């Protein structure tokens, strides 16, 4: 997940268990990659108990528990 290229233009990325066991630093790198894979307005879904730290940093908007929308302004 850290080295393979991500496709882009997705409306939805569903990753409820993808980052649970990674360090905070790795999680942040992956969230930036997920952001880049989403089209503007696309949604990232993570586990409901999981919070995306610094979600606004790449450009996510907090929608609801576990749901983050791409503003399309970063990356």
N, C-alpha and C. Protein backbone atom coordinates (compact mmCIF):
# COMPACT_ATOMS: atom_id res chain seq x y z
N UNK A 1 0.81 -1.19 0.00
CA UNK A 1 0.00 0.00 0.00
C UNK A 1 0.86 1.26 0.00
N UNK A 2 2.06 1.16 0.47
CA UNK A 2 2.91 2.35 0.54
C UNK A 2 3.72 2.57 -0.73
N UNK A 3 3.93 1.52 -1.49
CA UNK A 3 4.80 1.67 -2.66
C UNK A 3 4.08 1.48 -3.99
N UNK A 4 3.01 0.70 -4.01
CA UNK A 4 2.29 0.48 -5.26
C UNK A 4 1.52 1.73 -5.65
N UNK A 5 1.46 2.02 -6.95
CA UNK A 5 0.70 3.20 -7.37
C UNK A 5 -0.80 2.99 -7.14
N UNK A 6 -1.47 4.05 -6.76
CA UNK A 6 -2.93 4.02 -6.59
C UNK A 6 -3.55 4.57 -7.87
N UNK A 7 -4.66 4.00 -8.29
CA UNK A 7 -5.44 4.59 -9.36
C UNK A 7 -6.13 5.81 -8.77
N UNK A 8 -6.77 6.59 -9.61
CA UNK A 8 -7.43 7.79 -9.09
C UNK A 8 -8.81 7.95 -9.72
N UNK A 9 -9.56 8.93 -9.22
CA UNK A 9 -10.88 9.21 -9.74
C UNK A 9 -11.99 8.42 -9.09
N UNK A 10 -11.72 7.85 -7.92
CA UNK A 10 -12.73 7.06 -7.23
C UNK A 10 -13.74 7.94 -6.51
N UNK A 11 -14.98 7.47 -6.45
CA UNK A 11 -16.04 8.14 -5.68
C UNK A 11 -16.00 7.70 -4.23
N UNK A 12 -15.52 6.48 -3.99
CA UNK A 12 -15.55 5.91 -2.65
C UNK A 12 -14.34 5.02 -2.44
N UNK A 13 -13.69 5.18 -1.29
CA UNK A 13 -12.63 4.27 -0.85
C UNK A 13 -13.08 3.69 0.48
N UNK A 14 -13.22 2.38 0.55
CA UNK A 14 -13.68 1.70 1.76
C UNK A 14 -12.48 0.98 2.36
N UNK A 15 -12.03 1.46 3.50
CA UNK A 15 -10.82 0.94 4.12
C UNK A 15 -10.99 0.74 5.62
N UNK A 16 -11.99 -0.01 6.06
CA UNK A 16 -12.25 -0.10 7.50
C UNK A 16 -11.16 -0.81 8.29
N UNK A 17 -10.40 -1.68 7.67
CA UNK A 17 -9.36 -2.41 8.39
C UNK A 17 -7.98 -2.21 7.79
N UNK A 18 -7.87 -1.38 6.79
CA UNK A 18 -6.61 -1.25 6.06
C UNK A 18 -5.48 -0.63 6.86
N UNK A 19 -5.76 0.27 7.76
CA UNK A 19 -4.69 0.99 8.43
C UNK A 19 -4.64 0.79 9.94
N UNK A 20 -5.50 -0.04 10.46
CA UNK A 20 -5.66 -0.20 11.90
C UNK A 20 -4.35 -0.53 12.63
N UNK A 21 -3.48 -1.30 12.05
CA UNK A 21 -2.29 -1.77 12.76
C UNK A 21 -1.02 -0.98 12.42
N UNK A 22 -1.14 0.06 11.60
CA UNK A 22 0.02 0.86 11.23
C UNK A 22 0.29 1.95 12.26
N UNK A 23 1.52 2.44 12.25
CA UNK A 23 1.87 3.56 13.11
C UNK A 23 1.16 4.82 12.62
N UNK A 24 1.12 5.83 13.46
CA UNK A 24 0.48 7.10 13.09
C UNK A 24 1.12 7.70 11.84
N UNK A 25 2.43 7.65 11.77
CA UNK A 25 3.15 8.20 10.60
C UNK A 25 2.73 7.49 9.32
N UNK A 26 2.68 6.19 9.34
CA UNK A 26 2.28 5.41 8.15
C UNK A 26 0.82 5.71 7.81
N UNK A 27 -0.04 5.78 8.82
CA UNK A 27 -1.45 6.10 8.58
C UNK A 27 -1.59 7.43 7.86
N UNK A 28 -0.86 8.43 8.33
CA UNK A 28 -0.94 9.75 7.70
C UNK A 28 -0.50 9.70 6.24
N UNK A 29 0.56 8.95 5.96
CA UNK A 29 1.00 8.78 4.55
C UNK A 29 -0.09 8.13 3.72
N UNK A 30 -0.73 7.11 4.28
CA UNK A 30 -1.78 6.40 3.54
C UNK A 30 -3.01 7.29 3.33
N UNK A 31 -3.37 8.10 4.33
CA UNK A 31 -4.52 8.99 4.16
C UNK A 31 -4.27 9.98 3.02
N UNK A 32 -3.04 10.47 2.91
CA UNK A 32 -2.70 11.35 1.79
C UNK A 32 -2.86 10.60 0.46
N UNK A 33 -2.46 9.32 0.44
CA UNK A 33 -2.59 8.52 -0.78
C UNK A 33 -4.06 8.26 -1.12
N UNK A 34 -4.86 7.96 -0.10
CA UNK A 34 -6.29 7.77 -0.33
C UNK A 34 -6.91 9.06 -0.86
N UNK A 35 -6.52 10.19 -0.29
CA UNK A 35 -7.03 11.49 -0.74
C UNK A 35 -6.72 11.69 -2.23
N UNK A 36 -5.51 11.35 -2.62
CA UNK A 36 -5.13 11.49 -4.02
C UNK A 36 -5.87 10.55 -4.95
N UNK A 37 -6.38 9.44 -4.42
CA UNK A 37 -7.10 8.47 -5.24
C UNK A 37 -8.57 8.85 -5.44
N UNK A 38 -9.07 9.76 -4.60
CA UNK A 38 -10.48 10.15 -4.67
C UNK A 38 -10.67 11.35 -5.59
N UNK A 39 -11.78 11.37 -6.28
CA UNK A 39 -12.13 12.56 -7.06
C UNK A 39 -12.62 13.62 -6.08
N UNK A 40 -12.68 14.89 -6.47
CA UNK A 40 -13.25 15.90 -5.57
C UNK A 40 -14.67 15.50 -5.18
N UNK A 41 -14.94 15.52 -3.90
CA UNK A 41 -16.26 15.09 -3.40
C UNK A 41 -16.33 13.62 -3.08
N UNK A 42 -15.28 12.87 -3.42
CA UNK A 42 -15.25 11.44 -3.11
C UNK A 42 -15.16 11.21 -1.61
N UNK A 43 -15.52 10.02 -1.18
CA UNK A 43 -15.62 9.73 0.25
C UNK A 43 -14.68 8.60 0.65
N UNK A 44 -13.99 8.81 1.76
CA UNK A 44 -13.17 7.78 2.39
C UNK A 44 -13.95 7.26 3.58
N UNK A 45 -14.14 5.93 3.65
CA UNK A 45 -14.78 5.32 4.80
C UNK A 45 -13.75 4.49 5.53
N UNK A 46 -13.58 4.78 6.82
CA UNK A 46 -12.72 3.99 7.69
C UNK A 46 -13.60 3.41 8.79
N UNK A 47 -13.04 2.61 9.62
CA UNK A 47 -13.79 2.03 10.74
C UNK A 47 -14.40 3.13 11.59
N UNK A 48 -15.62 2.94 12.07
CA UNK A 48 -16.31 3.94 12.86
C UNK A 48 -15.56 4.34 14.12
N UNK A 49 -14.76 3.43 14.66
CA UNK A 49 -13.99 3.74 15.86
C UNK A 49 -12.65 4.38 15.53
N UNK A 50 -12.37 4.52 14.26
CA UNK A 50 -11.10 5.07 13.80
C UNK A 50 -11.26 6.53 13.42
N UNK A 51 -10.35 7.36 13.87
CA UNK A 51 -10.38 8.77 13.54
C UNK A 51 -9.19 9.07 12.64
N UNK A 52 -9.41 9.85 11.60
CA UNK A 52 -8.32 10.25 10.72
C UNK A 52 -7.68 11.49 11.33
N UNK A 53 -6.50 11.32 11.97
CA UNK A 53 -5.86 12.48 12.59
C UNK A 53 -5.42 13.47 11.52
N UNK A 54 -5.69 14.73 11.75
CA UNK A 54 -5.29 15.75 10.79
C UNK A 54 -6.01 15.60 9.46
N UNK A 55 -7.27 15.21 9.49
CA UNK A 55 -8.03 14.96 8.26
C UNK A 55 -8.05 16.17 7.34
N UNK A 56 -8.05 17.35 7.90
CA UNK A 56 -8.10 18.56 7.08
C UNK A 56 -6.77 18.82 6.38
N UNK A 57 -5.70 18.23 6.88
CA UNK A 57 -4.38 18.45 6.31
C UNK A 57 -4.32 18.15 4.81
N UNK A 58 -4.71 16.94 4.39
CA UNK A 58 -4.72 16.72 2.94
C UNK A 58 -5.93 17.36 2.27
N UNK A 59 -7.00 17.59 3.01
CA UNK A 59 -8.19 18.21 2.44
C UNK A 59 -9.47 17.45 2.67
N UNK A 60 -9.48 16.56 3.65
CA UNK A 60 -10.72 15.85 3.98
C UNK A 60 -11.62 16.72 4.85
N UNK A 61 -12.92 16.56 4.65
CA UNK A 61 -13.92 17.19 5.49
C UNK A 61 -14.61 16.08 6.27
N UNK A 62 -14.71 16.22 7.57
CA UNK A 62 -15.36 15.23 8.42
C UNK A 62 -16.86 15.26 8.16
N UNK A 63 -17.42 14.15 7.69
CA UNK A 63 -18.85 14.08 7.37
C UNK A 63 -19.66 13.48 8.51
N UNK A 64 -19.21 12.35 9.00
CA UNK A 64 -19.88 11.60 10.05
C UNK A 64 -18.85 10.63 10.61
N UNK A 65 -19.22 9.88 11.62
CA UNK A 65 -18.27 8.94 12.21
C UNK A 65 -17.77 7.97 11.13
N UNK A 66 -16.48 8.02 10.88
CA UNK A 66 -15.86 7.11 9.92
C UNK A 66 -15.93 7.55 8.47
N UNK A 67 -16.58 8.65 8.15
CA UNK A 67 -16.73 9.12 6.77
C UNK A 67 -16.04 10.47 6.59
N UNK A 68 -15.21 10.57 5.55
CA UNK A 68 -14.48 11.80 5.25
C UNK A 68 -14.61 12.10 3.77
N UNK A 69 -14.97 13.34 3.45
CA UNK A 69 -15.15 13.75 2.06
C UNK A 69 -13.93 14.51 1.57
N UNK A 70 -13.53 14.22 0.34
CA UNK A 70 -12.40 14.91 -0.29
C UNK A 70 -12.87 16.27 -0.80
N UNK A 71 -12.17 17.31 -0.37
CA UNK A 71 -12.52 18.64 -0.86
C UNK A 71 -11.99 18.88 -2.26
N UNK A 72 -11.02 18.09 -2.66
CA UNK A 72 -10.45 18.24 -3.99
C UNK A 72 -9.53 19.44 -4.13
N UNK A 73 -9.16 20.05 -2.99
CA UNK A 73 -8.36 21.26 -3.05
C UNK A 73 -6.88 21.01 -2.76
N UNK A 74 -6.54 19.88 -2.19
CA UNK A 74 -5.15 19.61 -1.82
C UNK A 74 -4.43 18.80 -2.88
N UNK A 75 -3.65 17.86 -2.45
CA UNK A 75 -2.89 16.89 -3.25
C UNK A 75 -2.53 17.42 -4.56
